[in-house]
Amino acid sequence: KPKFVVRKLAFFSQPSRAMADEIAADPGDVNVERAEEDAPVGIGEEEAPAPEGEGTMGEYAEGLVGNLPVPGYNIGDRVQIERSDESISCATIVVVHPPEPMGCSYDIQIDGVDGTTTVMEDRLQPA
């Protein structure tokens, strides 16, 4: 009867240090030397202690939450908006949407108009 031998063979773009050591210890039928540029990078020693001190988590600029802008208006604030006909209308902020990287947006109720309109903060001015 023929014998079948199954070997575990896997390819990884960047093997962990443990995998690299395991492969080096038992390369099986593969006789390949690792090129210097193929060595894993950015992998620390597992048993190394954590660095001492508090460290720096990041730098924060005023007016940003994480990397998101802080809304400049609150619900109930009165604002002015330039309309498509270039006239200026007064409005009330009715919804403040969560900030997004592109800016803050609001639902506003324009005086004398039914319904609400969603606008970006850069289109608003204080009333």
Foldseek 3Di string as FASTA:
>chain_A
DDDDDDDDDDDDQQDAPVVVVVCVVDVDPDDDDDDPVNHHPPHDDPPDDDDDDDDDPDDDDPQQDPLFGDDPDDFQFKKWFQDPVRDIFIWTFHAWDPTDNVATKTWIGTPPDPDTDIDGPVRIGGD
